[in-house]
Amino acid sequence: MPKYMTKQRKLLTEYLSKRTDESISANQIAEALADKISKSAVYRNLADMEAEGKLRRVASKGSREIIYQYVDEEKCHDCLHLSCKNCGKTYHMENAAAEKIINSVMKNEDFDIDKERTVLYGICKDCKKQ
């Protein structure tokens, strides 16, 4: 059940909703909002938002740091996501391509994919150019 919207929660939600294509650590969020919200409030609200399904939480590769992505936007609810292992950007997969993958897995594996929670990891086109 969603918590009530405190001033700190509103600031955090606004910050995250402008960065839906990014994966951000709690420390990065706390530093960016340091003059507006305490570090403990950031961690507390991130935990609550994750429990409510508004955030995706992933352990960063090769580190114990946890990264978050805001997924409470309407456009995130019915799509697969692509996440770059180099830069950390997350993209919404083009719907026709996503449907082909989903249908293939369902047909060949008899397995239903949860689109809202599925992330495919790889290297984005911008990182490949570098």
N, C-alpha and C. Protein backbone atom coordinates (compact mmCIF):
# COMPACT_ATOMS: atom_id res chain seq x y z
N MET A 1 0.84 -1.19 0.00
CA MET A 1 0.00 0.00 0.00
C MET A 1 0.88 1.25 0.00
N PRO A 2 0.63 2.18 -0.91
CA PRO A 2 1.46 3.38 -0.99
C PRO A 2 1.40 4.22 0.28
N LYS A 3 2.53 4.79 0.61
CA LYS A 3 2.58 5.70 1.75
C LYS A 3 2.09 7.07 1.31
N TYR A 4 1.79 7.92 2.30
CA TYR A 4 1.37 9.26 1.95
C TYR A 4 2.55 10.04 1.38
N MET A 5 2.25 11.08 0.64
CA MET A 5 3.25 11.84 -0.09
C MET A 5 3.79 12.97 0.78
N THR A 6 4.93 12.72 1.43
CA THR A 6 5.60 13.77 2.20
C THR A 6 6.34 14.68 1.23
N LYS A 7 6.82 15.81 1.74
CA LYS A 7 7.59 16.73 0.91
C LYS A 7 8.85 16.03 0.38
N GLN A 8 9.51 15.27 1.26
CA GLN A 8 10.72 14.55 0.85
C GLN A 8 10.40 13.49 -0.20
N ARG A 9 9.33 12.77 -0.01
CA ARG A 9 8.93 11.73 -0.96
C ARG A 9 8.61 12.35 -2.32
N LYS A 10 7.94 13.50 -2.29
CA LYS A 10 7.60 14.20 -3.54
C LYS A 10 8.87 14.62 -4.28
N LEU A 11 9.85 15.18 -3.56
CA LEU A 11 11.11 15.59 -4.19
C LEU A 11 11.83 14.40 -4.79
N LEU A 12 11.87 13.31 -4.07
CA LEU A 12 12.53 12.10 -4.56
C LEU A 12 11.82 11.55 -5.79
N THR A 13 10.51 11.51 -5.76
CA THR A 13 9.72 11.01 -6.89
C THR A 13 9.94 11.90 -8.12
N GLU A 14 9.93 13.20 -7.92
CA GLU A 14 10.17 14.12 -9.05
C GLU A 14 11.56 13.91 -9.64
N TYR A 15 12.55 13.76 -8.78
CA TYR A 15 13.92 13.54 -9.24
C TYR A 15 14.01 12.25 -10.06
N LEU A 16 13.46 11.17 -9.54
CA LEU A 16 13.55 9.87 -10.21
C LEU A 16 12.72 9.83 -11.49
N SER A 17 11.56 10.46 -11.49
CA SER A 17 10.69 10.40 -12.67
C SER A 17 11.29 11.14 -13.87
N LYS A 18 12.25 12.03 -13.62
CA LYS A 18 12.94 12.72 -14.71
C LYS A 18 14.14 11.91 -15.22
N ARG A 19 14.39 10.77 -14.59
CA ARG A 19 15.56 9.95 -14.94
C ARG A 19 15.17 8.49 -15.17
N THR A 20 14.08 8.27 -15.86
CA THR A 20 13.61 6.89 -16.06
C THR A 20 14.54 6.07 -16.95
N ASP A 21 15.42 6.73 -17.69
CA ASP A 21 16.36 6.00 -18.54
C ASP A 21 17.71 5.79 -17.86
N GLU A 22 17.77 6.08 -16.57
CA GLU A 22 19.03 5.92 -15.83
C GLU A 22 18.87 4.91 -14.70
N SER A 23 19.98 4.28 -14.36
CA SER A 23 20.06 3.46 -13.17
C SER A 23 20.96 4.23 -12.22
N ILE A 24 20.46 4.53 -11.02
CA ILE A 24 21.13 5.44 -10.12
C ILE A 24 21.30 4.78 -8.75
N SER A 25 22.46 4.99 -8.14
CA SER A 25 22.68 4.44 -6.79
C SER A 25 22.03 5.34 -5.75
N ALA A 26 21.79 4.79 -4.59
CA ALA A 26 21.22 5.57 -3.49
C ALA A 26 22.16 6.72 -3.11
N ASN A 27 23.47 6.46 -3.15
CA ASN A 27 24.43 7.52 -2.84
C ASN A 27 24.36 8.66 -3.84
N GLN A 28 24.22 8.34 -5.13
CA GLN A 28 24.10 9.38 -6.16
C GLN A 28 22.84 10.21 -5.93
N ILE A 29 21.76 9.54 -5.58
CA ILE A 29 20.50 10.24 -5.32
C ILE A 29 20.65 11.15 -4.10
N ALA A 30 21.23 10.59 -3.03
CA ALA A 30 21.41 11.37 -1.80
C ALA A 30 22.30 12.59 -2.03
N GLU A 31 23.36 12.43 -2.83
CA GLU A 31 24.24 13.55 -3.14
C GLU A 31 23.51 14.62 -3.96
N ALA A 32 22.72 14.19 -4.93
CA ALA A 32 22.01 15.14 -5.79
C ALA A 32 20.95 15.92 -5.01
N LEU A 33 20.38 15.29 -3.99
CA LEU A 33 19.31 15.94 -3.23
C LEU A 33 19.75 16.34 -1.82
N ALA A 34 21.07 16.41 -1.59
CA ALA A 34 21.62 16.63 -0.25
C ALA A 34 21.08 17.89 0.43
N ASP A 35 20.83 18.93 -0.32
CA ASP A 35 20.34 20.16 0.30
C ASP A 35 18.83 20.16 0.52
N LYS A 36 18.15 19.08 0.09
CA LYS A 36 16.69 19.04 0.19
C LYS A 36 16.14 17.87 1.00
N ILE A 37 16.92 16.79 1.10
CA ILE A 37 16.42 15.58 1.75
C ILE A 37 17.59 14.84 2.41
N SER A 38 17.38 14.33 3.61
CA SER A 38 18.45 13.65 4.33
C SER A 38 18.76 12.29 3.69
N LYS A 39 19.97 11.83 3.90
CA LYS A 39 20.39 10.55 3.35
C LYS A 39 19.52 9.41 3.89
N SER A 40 19.20 9.45 5.18
CA SER A 40 18.37 8.39 5.76
C SER A 40 16.97 8.40 5.15
N ALA A 41 16.45 9.59 4.85
CA ALA A 41 15.13 9.68 4.21
C ALA A 41 15.17 9.13 2.79
N VAL A 42 16.29 9.34 2.10
CA VAL A 42 16.44 8.77 0.75
C VAL A 42 16.36 7.25 0.83
N TYR A 43 17.16 6.65 1.71
CA TYR A 43 17.17 5.19 1.85
C TYR A 43 15.80 4.65 2.27
N ARG A 44 15.17 5.30 3.22
CA ARG A 44 13.85 4.85 3.71
C ARG A 44 12.81 4.91 2.59
N ASN A 45 12.81 6.01 1.85
CA ASN A 45 11.84 6.16 0.77
C ASN A 45 12.13 5.23 -0.39
N LEU A 46 13.40 4.98 -0.69
CA LEU A 46 13.73 4.03 -1.76
C LEU A 46 13.21 2.64 -1.40
N ALA A 47 13.39 2.24 -0.15
CA ALA A 47 12.89 0.92 0.28
C ALA A 47 11.38 0.85 0.15
N ASP A 48 10.69 1.90 0.56
CA ASP A 48 9.23 1.93 0.45
C ASP A 48 8.77 1.90 -1.01
N MET A 49 9.45 2.68 -1.86
CA MET A 49 9.07 2.75 -3.27
C MET A 49 9.34 1.43 -3.97
N GLU A 50 10.40 0.75 -3.58
CA GLU A 50 10.68 -0.57 -4.15
C GLU A 50 9.58 -1.55 -3.75
N ALA A 51 9.19 -1.54 -2.49
CA ALA A 51 8.12 -2.43 -2.01
C ALA A 51 6.80 -2.17 -2.72
N GLU A 52 6.58 -0.94 -3.13
CA GLU A 52 5.36 -0.56 -3.85
C GLU A 52 5.44 -0.85 -5.34
N GLY A 53 6.61 -1.31 -5.82
CA GLY A 53 6.77 -1.62 -7.23
C GLY A 53 7.09 -0.42 -8.10
N LYS A 54 7.48 0.68 -7.50
CA LYS A 54 7.78 1.89 -8.25
C LYS A 54 9.23 1.95 -8.70
N LEU A 55 10.08 1.13 -8.09
CA LEU A 55 11.50 1.09 -8.42
C LEU A 55 11.93 -0.32 -8.72
N ARG A 56 12.88 -0.44 -9.61
CA ARG A 56 13.56 -1.71 -9.86
C ARG A 56 14.90 -1.60 -9.17
N ARG A 57 15.27 -2.62 -8.42
CA ARG A 57 16.52 -2.63 -7.65
C ARG A 57 17.42 -3.73 -8.19
N VAL A 58 18.68 -3.36 -8.50
CA VAL A 58 19.61 -4.32 -9.08
C VAL A 58 20.97 -4.14 -8.42
N ALA A 59 21.66 -5.24 -8.15
CA ALA A 59 23.03 -5.15 -7.64
C ALA A 59 23.94 -4.79 -8.79
N SER A 60 24.81 -3.85 -8.58
CA SER A 60 25.74 -3.41 -9.60
C SER A 60 26.81 -4.47 -9.81
N LYS A 61 27.12 -4.77 -11.05
CA LYS A 61 28.11 -5.81 -11.38
C LYS A 61 29.48 -5.46 -10.81
N GLY A 62 30.08 -6.43 -10.12
CA GLY A 62 31.42 -6.24 -9.57
C GLY A 62 31.46 -5.34 -8.36
N SER A 63 30.32 -5.07 -7.76
CA SER A 63 30.25 -4.16 -6.62
C SER A 63 29.09 -4.59 -5.72
N ARG A 64 29.14 -4.14 -4.50
CA ARG A 64 28.01 -4.41 -3.61
C ARG A 64 27.00 -3.27 -3.64
N GLU A 65 27.27 -2.28 -4.48
CA GLU A 65 26.38 -1.13 -4.57
C GLU A 65 25.07 -1.53 -5.26
N ILE A 66 23.98 -1.02 -4.76
CA ILE A 66 22.65 -1.27 -5.33
C ILE A 66 22.27 -0.07 -6.18
N ILE A 67 21.74 -0.36 -7.36
CA ILE A 67 21.26 0.71 -8.23
C ILE A 67 19.75 0.59 -8.40
N TYR A 68 19.12 1.71 -8.65
CA TYR A 68 17.67 1.78 -8.76
C TYR A 68 17.28 2.41 -10.09
N GLN A 69 16.12 1.97 -10.57
CA GLN A 69 15.53 2.60 -11.74
C GLN A 69 14.05 2.83 -11.45
N TYR A 70 13.58 4.02 -11.71
CA TYR A 70 12.17 4.37 -11.52
C TYR A 70 11.35 3.76 -12.64
N VAL A 71 10.38 2.94 -12.28
CA VAL A 71 9.56 2.24 -13.29
C VAL A 71 8.07 2.48 -13.09
N ASP A 72 7.71 3.55 -12.42
CA ASP A 72 6.29 3.82 -12.17
C ASP A 72 5.65 4.66 -13.25
N GLU A 73 6.40 4.95 -14.29
CA GLU A 73 5.83 5.68 -15.42
C GLU A 73 4.92 4.75 -16.22
N GLU A 74 3.88 5.28 -16.79
CA GLU A 74 2.93 4.48 -17.57
C GLU A 74 3.63 3.72 -18.70
N LYS A 75 4.60 4.37 -19.35
CA LYS A 75 5.28 3.74 -20.48
C LYS A 75 6.11 2.53 -20.06
N CYS A 76 6.42 2.39 -18.78
CA CYS A 76 7.22 1.25 -18.30
C CYS A 76 6.37 0.01 -18.02
N HIS A 77 5.09 0.18 -17.89
CA HIS A 77 4.24 -0.92 -17.44
C HIS A 77 4.03 -2.02 -18.46
N ASP A 78 4.17 -1.73 -19.71
CA ASP A 78 3.85 -2.75 -20.71
C ASP A 78 4.97 -2.90 -21.74
N CYS A 79 6.21 -2.91 -21.26
CA CYS A 79 7.31 -3.06 -22.20
C CYS A 79 8.50 -3.77 -21.57
N LEU A 80 9.33 -4.32 -22.43
CA LEU A 80 10.60 -4.87 -21.98
C LEU A 80 11.61 -3.73 -21.94
N HIS A 81 12.64 -3.89 -21.12
CA HIS A 81 13.67 -2.88 -21.01
C HIS A 81 15.01 -3.45 -21.44
N LEU A 82 15.84 -2.58 -22.01
CA LEU A 82 17.20 -2.91 -22.39
C LEU A 82 18.11 -2.05 -21.51
N SER A 83 19.09 -2.66 -20.86
CA SER A 83 19.98 -1.92 -19.98
C SER A 83 21.42 -2.12 -20.41
N CYS A 84 22.13 -1.02 -20.60
CA CYS A 84 23.53 -1.07 -21.02
C CYS A 84 24.44 -1.34 -19.82
N LYS A 85 25.27 -2.36 -19.95
CA LYS A 85 26.19 -2.72 -18.87
C LYS A 85 27.33 -1.72 -18.74
N ASN A 86 27.59 -0.93 -19.77
CA ASN A 86 28.67 0.06 -19.71
C ASN A 86 28.22 1.38 -19.08
N CYS A 87 27.22 2.00 -19.68
CA CYS A 87 26.82 3.34 -19.24
C CYS A 87 25.67 3.33 -18.24
N GLY A 88 24.96 2.21 -18.14
CA GLY A 88 23.87 2.12 -17.17
C GLY A 88 22.53 2.63 -17.66
N LYS A 89 22.49 3.20 -18.88
CA LYS A 89 21.21 3.69 -19.40
C LYS A 89 20.27 2.52 -19.65
N THR A 90 18.99 2.78 -19.45
CA THR A 90 17.96 1.78 -19.69
C THR A 90 17.00 2.33 -20.72
N TYR A 91 16.65 1.49 -21.68
CA TYR A 91 15.78 1.90 -22.79
C TYR A 91 14.53 1.03 -22.81
N HIS A 92 13.46 1.60 -23.35
CA HIS A 92 12.26 0.82 -23.61
C HIS A 92 12.46 0.12 -24.95
N MET A 93 12.30 -1.17 -24.97
CA MET A 93 12.47 -1.93 -26.19
C MET A 93 11.30 -1.65 -27.14
N GLU A 94 11.61 -1.53 -28.40
CA GLU A 94 10.57 -1.32 -29.42
C GLU A 94 9.55 -2.45 -29.31
N ASN A 95 8.28 -2.10 -29.30
CA ASN A 95 7.21 -3.05 -28.97
C ASN A 95 7.14 -4.25 -29.91
N ALA A 96 7.32 -4.06 -31.22
CA ALA A 96 7.23 -5.18 -32.16
C ALA A 96 8.33 -6.21 -31.88
N ALA A 97 9.55 -5.73 -31.60
CA ALA A 97 10.66 -6.64 -31.28
C ALA A 97 10.41 -7.36 -29.97
N ALA A 98 9.89 -6.63 -28.99
CA ALA A 98 9.59 -7.24 -27.69
C ALA A 98 8.53 -8.33 -27.83
N GLU A 99 7.51 -8.07 -28.62
CA GLU A 99 6.45 -9.06 -28.81
C GLU A 99 6.98 -10.32 -29.48
N LYS A 100 7.91 -10.18 -30.41
CA LYS A 100 8.52 -11.35 -31.05
C LYS A 100 9.24 -12.21 -30.03
N ILE A 101 10.00 -11.58 -29.15
CA ILE A 101 10.72 -12.32 -28.10
C ILE A 101 9.72 -13.00 -27.16
N ILE A 102 8.75 -12.26 -26.71
CA ILE A 102 7.76 -12.79 -25.77
C ILE A 102 7.01 -13.96 -26.38
N ASN A 103 6.55 -13.80 -27.62
CA ASN A 103 5.81 -14.87 -28.28
C ASN A 103 6.68 -16.10 -28.52
N SER A 104 7.93 -15.89 -28.88
CA SER A 104 8.85 -17.01 -29.10
C SER A 104 9.08 -17.79 -27.81
N VAL A 105 9.31 -17.08 -26.72
CA VAL A 105 9.52 -17.76 -25.43
C VAL A 105 8.26 -18.49 -25.00
N MET A 106 7.11 -17.87 -25.18
CA MET A 106 5.87 -18.51 -24.79
C MET A 106 5.64 -19.78 -25.61
N LYS A 107 5.87 -19.70 -26.91
CA LYS A 107 5.64 -20.84 -27.80
C LYS A 107 6.66 -21.96 -27.55
N ASN A 108 7.94 -21.62 -27.49
CA ASN A 108 8.99 -22.63 -27.41
C ASN A 108 9.27 -23.13 -26.00
N GLU A 109 9.01 -22.32 -25.00
CA GLU A 109 9.33 -22.70 -23.62
C GLU A 109 8.09 -22.85 -22.74
N ASP A 110 6.92 -22.49 -23.27
CA ASP A 110 5.69 -22.50 -22.50
C ASP A 110 5.87 -21.70 -21.20
N PHE A 111 6.41 -20.48 -21.38
CA PHE A 111 6.75 -19.63 -20.25
C PHE A 111 6.25 -18.23 -20.52
N ASP A 112 5.50 -17.67 -19.57
CA ASP A 112 4.98 -16.31 -19.71
C ASP A 112 5.95 -15.32 -19.10
N ILE A 113 6.36 -14.33 -19.87
CA ILE A 113 7.30 -13.31 -19.41
C ILE A 113 6.54 -12.15 -18.77
N ASP A 114 7.02 -11.71 -17.63
CA ASP A 114 6.49 -10.53 -16.96
C ASP A 114 7.20 -9.31 -17.56
N LYS A 115 6.55 -8.67 -18.52
CA LYS A 115 7.18 -7.57 -19.26
C LYS A 115 7.63 -6.44 -18.35
N GLU A 116 6.84 -6.12 -17.38
CA GLU A 116 7.15 -4.99 -16.51
C GLU A 116 8.44 -5.19 -15.71
N ARG A 117 8.79 -6.44 -15.43
CA ARG A 117 9.94 -6.71 -14.58
C ARG A 117 11.14 -7.28 -15.35
N THR A 118 11.04 -7.38 -16.66
CA THR A 118 12.10 -8.02 -17.43
C THR A 118 13.05 -6.98 -18.02
N VAL A 119 14.34 -7.23 -17.79
CA VAL A 119 15.40 -6.36 -18.32
C VAL A 119 16.40 -7.24 -19.06
N LEU A 120 16.73 -6.86 -20.28
CA LEU A 120 17.77 -7.54 -21.04
C LEU A 120 19.03 -6.68 -20.98
N TYR A 121 20.14 -7.30 -20.62
CA TYR A 121 21.40 -6.58 -20.45
C TYR A 121 22.31 -6.79 -21.64
N GLY A 122 23.02 -5.74 -22.01
CA GLY A 122 23.95 -5.81 -23.13
C GLY A 122 24.69 -4.49 -23.24
N ILE A 123 25.13 -4.16 -24.45
CA ILE A 123 25.86 -2.92 -24.70
C ILE A 123 25.06 -2.08 -25.70
N CYS A 124 24.81 -0.83 -25.35
CA CYS A 124 24.00 0.05 -26.22
C CYS A 124 24.82 0.51 -27.44
N LYS A 125 24.12 1.06 -28.42
CA LYS A 125 24.77 1.47 -29.66
C LYS A 125 25.78 2.60 -29.42
N ASP A 126 25.51 3.50 -28.47
CA ASP A 126 26.45 4.58 -28.20
C ASP A 126 27.75 4.06 -27.61
N CYS A 127 27.67 3.09 -26.71
CA CYS A 127 28.88 2.50 -26.10
C CYS A 127 29.65 1.65 -27.10
N LYS A 128 28.95 1.02 -28.04
CA LYS A 128 29.62 0.23 -29.06
C LYS A 128 30.48 1.10 -29.97
N LYS A 129 30.07 2.35 -30.16
CA LYS A 129 30.78 3.28 -31.04
C LYS A 129 32.09 3.75 -30.41
N GLN A 130 32.19 3.68 -29.13
CA GLN A 130 33.37 4.22 -28.42
C GLN A 130 34.56 3.32 -28.51
